[in-house]
N, C-alpha and C. Protein backbone atom coordinates (compact mmCIF):
# COMPACT_ATOMS: atom_id res chain seq x y z
N MET A 1 104.37 110.58 93.01
CA MET A 1 103.52 109.66 93.54
C MET A 1 102.39 110.48 94.41
N GLY A 2 101.03 109.70 93.60
CA GLY A 2 99.31 110.22 93.86
C GLY A 2 98.73 110.35 95.01
N ILE A 3 97.88 110.23 95.61
CA ILE A 3 97.19 110.37 96.70
C ILE A 3 96.89 108.96 97.21
N ALA A 4 96.42 107.79 95.55
CA ALA A 4 95.74 106.95 95.62
C ALA A 4 97.39 106.22 96.03
N GLN A 5 98.17 106.01 94.67
CA GLN A 5 99.27 105.13 95.23
C GLN A 5 100.15 105.47 96.71
N ILE A 6 99.57 106.63 97.30
CA ILE A 6 100.55 106.76 98.79
C ILE A 6 99.40 106.39 100.07
N LEU A 7 97.95 105.60 99.38
CA LEU A 7 97.80 104.87 100.08
C LEU A 7 97.03 103.92 100.20
N LEU A 8 97.89 103.48 98.97
CA LEU A 8 98.32 101.81 99.14
C LEU A 8 98.94 101.19 98.87
N LEU A 9 100.07 102.66 99.25
CA LEU A 9 101.97 102.19 100.09
C LEU A 9 101.20 102.17 101.07
N VAL A 10 100.36 103.19 101.87
CA VAL A 10 100.01 102.65 103.29
C VAL A 10 99.24 101.06 103.82
N LEU A 11 98.35 101.54 103.07
CA LEU A 11 97.63 99.99 103.22
C LEU A 11 98.46 97.96 103.12
N GLY A 12 99.52 98.68 102.44
CA GLY A 12 100.94 97.36 101.74
C GLY A 12 101.32 97.51 102.92
N ALA A 13 102.10 98.38 103.47
CA ALA A 13 102.58 98.52 105.02
C ALA A 13 101.99 97.89 105.28
N ILE A 14 100.46 98.25 105.97
CA ILE A 14 100.15 98.13 107.65
C ILE A 14 99.26 95.89 107.63
N LEU A 15 99.01 96.19 106.02
CA LEU A 15 98.20 94.83 106.10
C LEU A 15 99.02 93.71 105.10
N VAL A 16 99.90 93.95 103.86
CA VAL A 16 99.89 93.15 103.35
C VAL A 16 101.63 92.62 103.57
N ASN A 17 101.92 94.07 103.66
CA ASN A 17 104.16 94.39 104.54
C ASN A 17 104.58 94.65 105.75
N ASN A 18 103.28 94.22 106.14
CA ASN A 18 103.20 93.99 107.68
C ASN A 18 104.25 93.66 108.39
N VAL A 19 104.83 94.42 110.13
CA VAL A 19 106.02 94.77 109.62
C VAL A 19 106.35 93.08 110.45
N ILE A 20 105.84 93.27 111.51
CA ILE A 20 105.85 91.64 111.32
C ILE A 20 105.53 90.52 111.54
N PHE A 21 104.46 90.43 110.37
CA PHE A 21 104.49 89.29 109.82
C PHE A 21 104.82 88.68 108.50
N ALA A 22 104.97 89.94 107.50
CA ALA A 22 105.90 89.30 106.19
C ALA A 22 107.53 90.12 106.74
N GLN A 23 107.90 91.34 107.09
CA GLN A 23 108.81 91.33 107.48
C GLN A 23 109.57 91.06 108.45
N PHE A 24 109.13 90.59 108.97
CA PHE A 24 109.47 88.92 111.24
C PHE A 24 110.70 89.77 111.21
N LEU A 25 109.76 91.43 111.24
CA LEU A 25 110.68 91.90 112.43
C LEU A 25 109.90 93.01 113.75
N GLY A 26 110.85 93.14 115.06
CA GLY A 26 110.33 93.89 116.07
C GLY A 26 108.97 92.20 116.82
N ILE A 27 109.62 91.53 116.09
CA ILE A 27 108.40 90.57 117.64
C ILE A 27 108.72 89.56 119.26
N CYS A 28 110.04 90.74 119.11
CA CYS A 28 110.88 90.97 120.85
C CYS A 28 109.85 90.93 121.35
N PRO A 29 109.46 92.68 121.07
CA PRO A 29 107.46 93.13 121.73
C PRO A 29 107.09 92.53 121.83
N TYR A 30 106.02 91.82 120.33
CA TYR A 30 105.82 91.35 119.89
C TYR A 30 104.69 90.52 120.31
N LEU A 31 106.03 89.94 121.46
CA LEU A 31 105.75 88.86 121.86
C LEU A 31 105.47 88.92 123.64
N GLY A 32 106.44 89.93 124.19
CA GLY A 32 106.56 89.84 125.59
C GLY A 32 105.86 91.08 126.43
N VAL A 33 105.14 93.01 125.50
CA VAL A 33 104.71 93.76 125.42
C VAL A 33 103.20 93.58 125.23
N SER A 34 102.78 91.64 125.14
CA SER A 34 101.22 92.17 124.48
C SER A 34 100.88 90.88 125.59
N LYS A 35 101.24 91.02 127.07
CA LYS A 35 99.97 90.49 127.60
C LYS A 35 98.64 90.99 127.92
N LYS A 36 99.07 92.64 128.14
CA LYS A 36 97.97 93.51 128.35
C LYS A 36 97.06 94.45 127.09
N LEU A 37 95.58 94.45 126.80
CA LEU A 37 95.41 95.18 125.71
C LEU A 37 96.29 96.83 125.92
N ASP A 38 96.12 97.31 127.67
CA ASP A 38 96.78 99.09 127.15
C ASP A 38 98.39 99.44 127.37
N THR A 39 98.60 98.10 128.08
CA THR A 39 100.41 98.18 127.47
C THR A 39 101.23 97.77 125.78
N ALA A 40 100.04 97.17 125.59
CA ALA A 40 100.78 96.87 123.76
C ALA A 40 100.35 97.86 123.48
N LEU A 41 99.32 98.58 123.45
CA LEU A 41 98.40 99.90 123.16
C LEU A 41 99.95 101.28 122.73
N GLY A 42 100.21 101.13 124.36
CA GLY A 42 101.54 102.77 125.28
C GLY A 42 102.76 102.29 123.86
N MET A 43 102.65 100.34 124.18
CA MET A 43 104.02 100.13 123.25
C MET A 43 104.04 100.64 121.68
N GLY A 44 102.78 100.57 121.33
CA GLY A 44 102.75 101.10 119.43
C GLY A 44 102.18 101.77 119.54
N PHE A 45 102.63 102.74 120.31
CA PHE A 45 102.15 104.46 120.19
C PHE A 45 104.13 104.32 120.13
N ALA A 46 104.29 104.27 121.18
CA ALA A 46 105.47 104.35 121.57
C ALA A 46 106.45 104.14 120.33
N VAL A 47 106.52 103.13 119.69
CA VAL A 47 106.39 103.05 118.70
C VAL A 47 107.33 103.28 116.75
N THR A 48 105.36 104.06 116.79
CA THR A 48 105.38 104.91 116.17
C THR A 48 105.19 105.93 115.71
N PHE A 49 106.21 106.83 117.19
CA PHE A 49 106.97 108.51 117.72
C PHE A 49 108.29 107.93 116.78
N VAL A 50 108.63 107.03 117.57
CA VAL A 50 110.71 106.27 117.47
C VAL A 50 110.03 106.13 115.89
N MET A 51 109.76 105.24 115.17
CA MET A 51 109.79 104.42 114.20
C MET A 51 109.80 105.89 113.27
N THR A 52 108.96 107.26 113.71
CA THR A 52 108.23 107.99 112.87
C THR A 52 109.32 109.20 112.40
N LEU A 53 110.04 109.52 113.40
CA LEU A 53 111.64 110.06 113.74
C LEU A 53 112.13 110.37 113.67
N ALA A 54 112.35 108.53 113.53
CA ALA A 54 113.85 107.81 113.62
C ALA A 54 113.96 108.53 111.69
N VAL A 55 113.25 107.51 111.33
CA VAL A 55 112.91 107.66 109.35
C VAL A 55 113.09 108.98 109.27
N ALA A 56 112.45 110.10 109.76
CA ALA A 56 113.12 111.93 109.50
C ALA A 56 114.18 112.29 109.88
N VAL A 57 114.75 111.62 110.69
CA VAL A 57 116.08 112.22 111.36
C VAL A 57 117.14 111.24 110.33
N THR A 58 117.12 109.75 110.37
CA THR A 58 117.53 109.33 109.64
C THR A 58 118.20 109.27 108.10
N TRP A 59 117.00 109.64 107.35
CA TRP A 59 116.99 109.69 106.17
C TRP A 59 117.65 110.95 105.16
N PRO A 60 117.54 111.79 106.75
CA PRO A 60 119.00 113.05 105.44
C PRO A 60 120.65 112.69 105.60
N ILE A 61 120.50 112.57 107.33
CA ILE A 61 121.63 111.83 107.45
C ILE A 61 122.44 111.35 106.48
N TYR A 62 121.92 109.89 106.03
CA TYR A 62 122.11 109.10 104.62
C TYR A 62 122.12 110.26 103.72
N TYR A 63 121.31 111.28 102.54
CA TYR A 63 121.18 111.53 101.84
C TYR A 63 122.42 112.72 101.43
N PHE A 64 122.59 113.90 103.31
CA PHE A 64 123.09 115.30 103.22
C PHE A 64 124.10 114.80 103.76
N VAL A 65 124.76 113.91 104.07
CA VAL A 65 126.17 113.94 105.30
C VAL A 65 126.85 112.69 105.07
N LEU A 66 126.05 111.47 104.73
CA LEU A 66 126.84 109.65 103.70
C LEU A 66 127.61 110.36 103.04
N ASN A 67 126.58 110.37 101.96
CA ASN A 67 126.53 110.61 100.34
C ASN A 67 127.52 111.42 100.13
N PRO A 68 127.26 112.74 100.39
CA PRO A 68 127.71 114.54 100.68
C PRO A 68 129.39 113.34 100.97
N ALA A 69 130.12 113.54 102.14
CA ALA A 69 131.38 113.01 102.13
C ALA A 69 132.06 111.98 101.69
N THR A 70 131.05 110.91 101.08
CA THR A 70 131.60 110.48 99.91
C THR A 70 132.30 110.92 99.12
N SER A 71 130.62 111.11 98.58
CA SER A 71 131.92 112.75 97.22
C SER A 71 132.60 113.44 97.11
N PHE A 72 132.85 114.21 98.22
CA PHE A 72 133.83 114.51 98.81
C PHE A 72 135.32 113.89 98.83
N PHE A 73 135.58 113.09 99.35
CA PHE A 73 136.84 112.81 99.49
C PHE A 73 137.07 111.93 98.42
N ASN A 74 135.47 111.30 97.04
CA ASN A 74 136.35 111.22 95.91
C ASN A 74 137.07 112.14 94.79
N ALA A 75 136.10 113.67 94.85
CA ALA A 75 137.52 114.13 94.86
C ALA A 75 138.18 114.90 95.07
N PHE A 76 138.98 114.09 95.62
CA PHE A 76 140.43 114.73 95.95
C PHE A 76 141.60 112.98 96.43
N MET A 77 140.51 112.51 96.04
CA MET A 77 141.45 110.64 96.64
C MET A 77 141.25 110.52 95.32
N PRO A 78 142.15 108.94 95.08
CA PRO A 78 142.07 108.37 93.98
C PRO A 78 140.86 106.85 94.42
N PRO A 79 139.67 107.47 92.80
CA PRO A 79 138.39 105.69 93.36
C PRO A 79 138.76 104.66 94.14
N ASP A 80 140.28 103.99 93.43
CA ASP A 80 139.89 102.80 94.62
C ASP A 80 140.67 103.49 96.36
N ALA A 81 140.47 104.45 96.07
CA ALA A 81 141.23 104.59 97.27
C ALA A 81 139.91 105.35 98.25
N VAL A 82 138.61 106.04 97.69
CA VAL A 82 137.71 107.06 98.03
C VAL A 82 137.07 105.63 99.31
N PRO A 83 136.84 106.46 100.63
CA PRO A 83 136.40 106.11 101.67
C PRO A 83 134.50 105.70 101.28
N ASP A 84 133.49 104.61 101.07
CA ASP A 84 131.98 104.38 100.65
C ASP A 84 131.61 104.54 102.05
N LEU A 85 131.62 106.05 102.54
CA LEU A 85 130.80 106.06 104.35
C LEU A 85 129.09 105.82 104.37
N THR A 86 128.79 105.16 103.79
CA THR A 86 127.23 104.75 103.41
C THR A 86 127.19 103.80 104.46
N TYR A 87 128.49 102.92 104.41
CA TYR A 87 128.76 101.45 105.43
C TYR A 87 128.81 102.28 107.14
N LEU A 88 128.70 103.61 106.82
CA LEU A 88 128.26 103.46 108.18
C LEU A 88 126.60 103.64 108.73
N ALA A 89 125.44 103.84 108.29
CA ALA A 89 124.62 103.81 108.44
C ALA A 89 123.33 103.30 109.24
N THR A 90 124.72 101.89 109.34
CA THR A 90 123.57 100.98 110.18
C THR A 90 124.35 101.73 112.10
N LEU A 91 125.31 101.99 111.97
CA LEU A 91 125.94 102.60 113.17
C LEU A 91 124.66 103.87 113.36
N SER A 92 125.17 105.00 112.67
CA SER A 92 124.55 106.06 112.98
C SER A 92 122.99 106.23 112.69
N PHE A 93 122.41 104.69 112.44
CA PHE A 93 120.76 104.83 112.75
C PHE A 93 120.97 104.36 114.38
N ILE A 94 122.07 104.28 114.55
CA ILE A 94 121.12 102.92 115.22
C ILE A 94 121.55 104.93 117.19
N LEU A 95 122.85 105.53 116.93
CA LEU A 95 122.61 106.15 117.23
C LEU A 95 121.11 107.17 117.96
N VAL A 96 121.01 107.93 115.99
CA VAL A 96 119.53 108.36 116.31
C VAL A 96 118.45 108.00 117.13
N ILE A 97 118.39 106.70 116.69
CA ILE A 97 117.25 105.70 117.64
C ILE A 97 116.93 105.48 118.85
N ALA A 98 118.16 104.96 119.37
CA ALA A 98 118.61 105.11 121.00
C ALA A 98 118.09 106.36 121.44
N SER A 99 118.96 107.45 121.00
CA SER A 99 118.81 108.93 121.81
C SER A 99 117.07 109.30 121.55
N LEU A 100 116.93 108.89 120.65
CA LEU A 100 115.41 109.03 121.25
C LEU A 100 114.55 108.56 121.60
N VAL A 101 114.93 106.50 121.92
CA VAL A 101 114.21 106.00 122.54
C VAL A 101 115.05 106.99 124.17
N GLN A 102 115.58 107.71 124.40
CA GLN A 102 115.67 108.26 125.48
C GLN A 102 114.88 109.45 126.05
N LEU A 103 114.58 109.92 124.96
CA LEU A 103 113.65 111.09 124.57
C LEU A 103 112.34 110.32 124.98
N VAL A 104 111.43 109.52 124.47
CA VAL A 104 110.61 108.55 125.21
C VAL A 104 110.06 107.70 126.18
N GLU A 105 111.66 107.70 126.99
CA GLU A 105 111.65 107.53 128.59
C GLU A 105 111.48 108.34 129.00
N ILE A 106 112.06 109.70 128.94
CA ILE A 106 111.95 110.86 129.58
C ILE A 106 110.50 110.53 129.85
N VAL A 107 110.43 110.73 128.79
CA VAL A 107 108.37 111.85 128.38
C VAL A 107 107.55 110.89 129.39
N LEU A 108 107.92 109.67 128.84
CA LEU A 108 106.53 109.20 130.20
C LEU A 108 106.88 108.52 130.58
N ARG A 109 107.99 108.47 131.48
CA ARG A 109 108.29 109.15 132.67
C ARG A 109 107.83 109.92 133.72
N LYS A 110 107.69 110.92 132.91
CA LYS A 110 106.60 112.60 133.91
C LYS A 110 105.78 112.93 133.56
N VAL A 111 105.23 111.86 132.56
CA VAL A 111 103.34 112.22 132.23
C VAL A 111 102.76 110.84 132.00
N ALA A 112 103.45 109.82 132.03
CA ALA A 112 103.16 108.35 131.56
C ALA A 112 103.27 107.92 133.03
N LYS A 113 104.09 107.96 133.86
CA LYS A 113 104.39 106.45 134.86
C LYS A 113 103.73 105.46 135.02
N PRO A 114 102.51 105.07 135.31
CA PRO A 114 102.14 103.85 135.10
C PRO A 114 102.27 102.89 134.10
N LEU A 115 102.82 103.28 132.70
CA LEU A 115 102.73 103.03 131.42
C LEU A 115 104.36 102.70 131.39
N PHE A 116 104.33 103.92 132.14
CA PHE A 116 106.51 103.52 131.80
C PHE A 116 106.61 102.36 133.07
N ASP A 117 106.09 102.31 133.70
CA ASP A 117 106.51 101.52 134.82
C ASP A 117 105.52 99.52 134.20
N ALA A 118 104.62 99.97 133.79
CA ALA A 118 104.18 98.68 133.10
C ALA A 118 105.12 97.02 131.48
N LEU A 119 105.27 98.83 130.55
CA LEU A 119 105.93 98.55 129.75
C LEU A 119 107.54 97.96 130.69
N GLY A 120 108.72 98.81 130.69
CA GLY A 120 109.12 97.74 132.08
C GLY A 120 111.09 98.21 130.93
N ILE A 121 111.08 96.12 131.12
CA ILE A 121 112.71 96.57 130.70
C ILE A 121 112.13 96.17 129.21
N TYR A 122 110.46 96.30 128.31
CA TYR A 122 111.73 96.21 126.59
C TYR A 122 110.72 98.11 126.40
N LEU A 123 110.54 98.73 127.22
CA LEU A 123 110.66 100.46 127.03
C LEU A 123 112.10 100.16 125.90
N PRO A 124 113.30 100.35 126.29
CA PRO A 124 114.29 101.14 126.72
C PRO A 124 115.01 99.82 125.02
N LEU A 125 114.16 98.63 125.48
CA LEU A 125 114.94 97.82 124.54
C LEU A 125 114.00 97.71 122.75
N ILE A 126 113.50 98.54 122.48
CA ILE A 126 113.07 99.35 121.64
C ILE A 126 113.90 100.06 120.83
N THR A 127 115.10 100.94 122.06
CA THR A 127 116.80 101.22 120.85
C THR A 127 117.10 99.65 120.15
N THR A 128 117.15 98.69 119.90
CA THR A 128 117.08 97.53 119.75
C THR A 128 115.95 96.45 119.52
N ASN A 129 115.10 97.40 118.72
CA ASN A 129 113.82 96.90 118.12
C ASN A 129 114.30 96.82 116.69
N CYS A 130 115.12 96.07 116.25
CA CYS A 130 114.93 95.88 115.01
C CYS A 130 113.86 96.39 113.29
N ALA A 131 112.87 96.42 114.09
CA ALA A 131 111.86 97.09 113.40
C ALA A 131 112.08 98.62 113.31
N ILE A 132 111.85 98.96 114.43
CA ILE A 132 112.54 100.77 113.73
C ILE A 132 113.66 100.46 113.05
N LEU A 133 114.75 100.43 112.98
CA LEU A 133 116.55 99.47 112.08
C LEU A 133 115.39 99.81 110.64
N GLY A 134 114.56 98.57 110.67
CA GLY A 134 114.65 98.34 109.15
C GLY A 134 114.07 98.85 108.36
N MET A 135 113.68 99.57 108.96
CA MET A 135 112.36 100.53 108.38
C MET A 135 113.13 101.71 108.03
N ALA A 136 113.81 102.04 109.53
CA ALA A 136 115.07 103.47 108.25
C ALA A 136 116.40 102.48 107.57
N LEU A 137 116.50 101.91 107.14
CA LEU A 137 117.24 101.08 106.26
C LEU A 137 116.89 100.81 104.83
N LEU A 138 115.10 99.63 105.00
CA LEU A 138 114.35 100.01 104.38
C LEU A 138 114.25 101.51 103.27
N SER A 139 113.73 102.76 103.97
CA SER A 139 113.06 103.37 103.08
C SER A 139 114.66 104.34 102.80
N ILE A 140 115.29 103.41 102.95
CA ILE A 140 117.42 104.00 101.70
C ILE A 140 116.81 103.37 100.94
N GLN A 141 117.38 102.89 101.06
CA GLN A 141 117.19 100.72 100.60
C GLN A 141 115.57 100.53 98.98
N LYS A 142 115.20 101.07 99.56
CA LYS A 142 114.01 100.65 97.97
C LYS A 142 114.16 102.67 98.22
N GLU A 143 114.97 103.56 98.27
CA GLU A 143 115.35 104.44 97.15
C GLU A 143 113.66 105.98 97.29
N TYR A 144 112.95 106.03 98.16
CA TYR A 144 111.83 106.89 98.63
C TYR A 144 112.12 108.19 99.07
N ASN A 145 111.95 108.83 98.05
CA ASN A 145 112.11 110.37 99.03
C ASN A 145 111.65 110.76 99.86
N TYR A 146 111.75 111.66 100.36
CA TYR A 146 112.10 111.93 102.10
C TYR A 146 110.11 111.79 103.14
N PRO A 147 109.20 112.57 101.86
CA PRO A 147 107.25 112.64 102.08
C PRO A 147 107.47 110.92 102.00
N ILE A 148 107.39 110.72 101.13
CA ILE A 148 106.76 108.88 100.70
C ILE A 148 108.17 108.08 102.35
N SER A 149 108.33 108.31 102.79
CA SER A 149 109.65 107.42 103.86
C SER A 149 109.01 107.93 105.25
N LEU A 150 108.42 109.08 105.42
CA LEU A 150 108.12 108.52 106.30
C LEU A 150 106.13 108.23 106.21
N VAL A 151 105.28 108.57 105.48
CA VAL A 151 104.61 107.62 104.84
C VAL A 151 104.98 106.49 105.43
N PHE A 152 105.63 105.64 104.35
CA PHE A 152 106.43 103.92 105.22
C PHE A 152 106.43 103.97 105.87
N ALA A 153 107.21 104.92 106.59
CA ALA A 153 107.75 105.03 108.52
C ALA A 153 106.16 104.52 109.40
N PHE A 154 105.78 105.75 109.32
CA PHE A 154 104.05 106.12 109.58
C PHE A 154 103.27 104.78 109.40
N GLY A 155 102.67 103.76 108.35
CA GLY A 155 102.42 102.88 108.06
C GLY A 155 102.83 101.31 108.39
N SER A 156 103.84 101.45 108.56
CA SER A 156 104.47 100.50 108.65
C SER A 156 104.16 100.19 110.69
N ALA A 157 104.14 101.03 111.14
CA ALA A 157 104.33 101.53 112.65
C ALA A 157 102.98 101.58 113.26
N LEU A 158 101.65 102.07 111.79
CA LEU A 158 100.16 101.35 112.64
C LEU A 158 99.90 99.68 112.50
N GLY A 159 100.93 99.21 111.20
CA GLY A 159 100.70 97.91 110.94
C GLY A 159 101.33 96.99 112.00
N PHE A 160 102.66 97.77 113.09
CA PHE A 160 102.39 97.35 114.88
C PHE A 160 101.49 97.18 115.54
N ILE A 161 100.66 98.85 116.17
CA ILE A 161 99.87 99.06 116.68
C ILE A 161 98.71 97.59 116.25
N LEU A 162 98.20 97.60 114.58
CA LEU A 162 96.98 97.33 114.12
C LEU A 162 97.21 94.95 114.76
N ALA A 163 98.97 95.03 114.68
CA ALA A 163 99.19 93.41 115.25
C ALA A 163 99.58 93.62 116.20
N ILE A 164 100.08 94.12 117.52
CA ILE A 164 100.61 93.88 118.82
C ILE A 164 98.68 94.35 119.80
N VAL A 165 97.76 94.80 119.52
CA VAL A 165 97.15 95.05 119.65
C VAL A 165 95.73 93.75 119.46
N ILE A 166 95.57 93.04 117.95
CA ILE A 166 94.39 92.36 117.69
C ILE A 166 95.10 91.08 118.85
N PHE A 167 96.59 90.89 119.00
CA PHE A 167 97.72 89.61 120.18
C PHE A 167 96.96 90.33 121.08
N ALA A 168 97.22 91.13 121.17
CA ALA A 168 96.64 91.33 123.02
C ALA A 168 95.81 91.33 123.55
N GLY A 169 94.37 91.72 122.39
CA GLY A 169 93.32 91.30 123.24
C GLY A 169 92.31 90.33 123.18
N ILE A 170 92.86 89.07 121.97
CA ILE A 170 93.51 87.65 122.65
C ILE A 170 93.72 87.05 123.02
N ARG A 171 95.27 87.52 123.42
CA ARG A 171 95.44 86.89 125.14
C ARG A 171 94.26 87.93 126.01
N GLU A 172 94.33 88.89 126.18
CA GLU A 172 92.94 89.16 127.19
C GLU A 172 92.22 87.87 127.38
N ARG A 173 91.51 87.59 126.88
CA ARG A 173 90.35 86.44 126.82
C ARG A 173 90.51 85.58 127.38
N VAL A 174 92.41 84.19 126.56
CA VAL A 174 92.62 83.54 127.00
C VAL A 174 92.60 84.13 127.62
N GLU A 175 93.36 84.24 128.82
CA GLU A 175 93.50 84.19 130.13
C GLU A 175 92.27 83.20 130.91
N LEU A 176 90.74 84.23 130.68
CA LEU A 176 90.08 84.12 130.86
C LEU A 176 89.62 82.41 130.85
N MET A 177 90.54 82.36 129.76
CA MET A 177 89.36 80.44 129.56
C MET A 177 90.38 79.63 129.99
N ASP A 178 89.88 77.67 129.92
CA ASP A 178 90.24 76.82 131.42
C ASP A 178 91.50 76.57 130.03
N VAL A 179 92.35 76.76 130.10
CA VAL A 179 93.12 76.57 129.24
C VAL A 179 94.42 75.32 129.88
N PRO A 180 94.02 74.56 129.57
CA PRO A 180 94.47 73.26 129.62
C PRO A 180 96.30 73.88 130.56
N LYS A 181 96.70 73.09 131.34
CA LYS A 181 98.54 73.83 131.97
C LYS A 181 98.31 72.97 130.97
N ALA A 182 99.63 72.66 130.60
CA ALA A 182 100.85 71.74 129.77
C ALA A 182 100.81 73.79 128.58
N MET A 183 99.47 74.55 128.01
CA MET A 183 99.13 75.08 127.00
C MET A 183 99.30 76.09 127.81
N GLN A 184 99.25 76.92 129.01
CA GLN A 184 99.20 77.82 129.62
C GLN A 184 101.66 78.64 129.34
N GLY A 185 100.56 80.56 129.34
CA GLY A 185 102.07 81.03 128.79
C GLY A 185 101.82 80.56 127.61
N VAL A 186 103.58 80.55 127.56
CA VAL A 186 103.73 80.99 126.57
C VAL A 186 103.48 79.83 125.93
N PRO A 187 103.58 78.64 125.91
CA PRO A 187 102.59 77.96 124.66
C PRO A 187 101.09 78.05 123.72
N ILE A 188 101.08 78.75 124.61
CA ILE A 188 98.80 79.15 124.17
C ILE A 188 99.65 80.02 123.60
N ALA A 189 100.63 80.92 124.17
CA ALA A 189 101.05 82.59 123.47
C ALA A 189 101.65 82.22 121.48
N LEU A 190 101.90 81.00 121.30
CA LEU A 190 102.73 81.58 120.56
C LEU A 190 102.46 80.89 119.13
N VAL A 191 100.66 79.81 120.29
CA VAL A 191 99.83 79.08 118.67
C VAL A 191 99.05 80.82 118.60
N ILE A 192 98.49 81.67 119.81
CA ILE A 192 97.53 82.57 119.07
C ILE A 192 98.69 83.79 117.83
N ALA A 193 99.81 83.48 118.26
CA ALA A 193 100.13 84.70 117.45
C ALA A 193 100.93 84.00 116.50
N GLY A 194 100.76 81.98 116.09
CA GLY A 194 100.21 81.29 114.55
C GLY A 194 99.11 81.98 114.51
N ILE A 195 98.42 81.59 114.57
CA ILE A 195 97.18 81.66 113.61
C ILE A 195 96.92 83.34 113.29
N VAL A 196 96.58 84.91 114.26
CA VAL A 196 96.79 85.59 114.00
C VAL A 196 97.69 86.13 112.54
N ALA A 197 98.65 85.38 112.74
CA ALA A 197 100.01 85.49 110.84
C ALA A 197 99.12 84.82 109.95
N MET A 198 98.95 83.68 110.31
CA MET A 198 98.26 82.91 109.06
C MET A 198 96.63 84.10 108.87
N ALA A 199 95.97 84.36 109.68
CA ALA A 199 95.30 85.27 109.62
C ALA A 199 95.35 85.96 108.73
N PHE A 200 96.77 87.30 108.74
CA PHE A 200 96.80 88.20 108.45
C PHE A 200 98.12 87.42 106.72
N MET A 201 98.26 86.24 106.42
CA MET A 201 99.04 86.28 104.77
C MET A 201 97.32 86.63 103.66
N GLY A 202 96.17 86.28 104.70
CA GLY A 202 94.88 86.75 103.82
C GLY A 202 95.16 87.70 102.86
N PHE A 203 95.87 89.09 103.54
CA PHE A 203 96.33 90.36 102.78
C PHE A 203 96.80 90.16 101.66
N ALA A 204 97.75 88.28 101.55
CA ALA A 204 98.34 89.13 100.59
C ALA A 204 98.18 89.19 99.13
N GLY A 205 96.92 88.89 99.19
CA GLY A 205 97.02 88.98 98.01
C GLY A 205 96.76 90.42 97.18
N LEU A 206 96.15 90.92 98.40
CA LEU A 206 95.60 92.51 98.23
C LEU A 206 97.27 92.82 96.72
N GLY A 207 98.41 92.48 97.30
CA GLY A 207 99.37 93.24 96.40
C GLY A 207 99.72 93.01 95.49
N GLY A 208 98.24 92.19 94.46
CA GLY A 208 98.91 91.51 93.51
C GLY A 208 98.28 91.81 92.25
């Protein structure tokens, strides 16, 4: 894959196949940690770190542990009795992601305590962020090689940052406006999310 194709892959992951608006993954932190711009940016960087590193670890696990283990059993057992250990991919990937999130928590608690406190419960919830697990599984399903898988994960993470930062910036501005009482809080946030999603739909033509 050449430089042009790599750039198209990154742009596609950011705009056309955005992890939130096209893949519909990571909606929980997108709505829950987007009230303040700085908090949203912190969450975006944390997700970027975990998502990229998760793919960097899970790809070798799949191709160098689960697949070879299946082939190993295939050499000694009848074909109908060979266990396909690749079904353990989801479980093993979740364990890797949980470990990486613990690492992020420890680092943030030490070097960025205000951000750690602002993220609150949503930081450990990165473990169950389906966007991270989704990118790890998609890189396998799409049969990307190792470098391209990392590029795909990083581009998807940038798309997550772009979406949550835009959403947080709009929500901060809306907080300064005279919003009808019935629309304050979650209702106006959902309306904004819908408008931003429709705006991103305009990039769909770039995939053609």
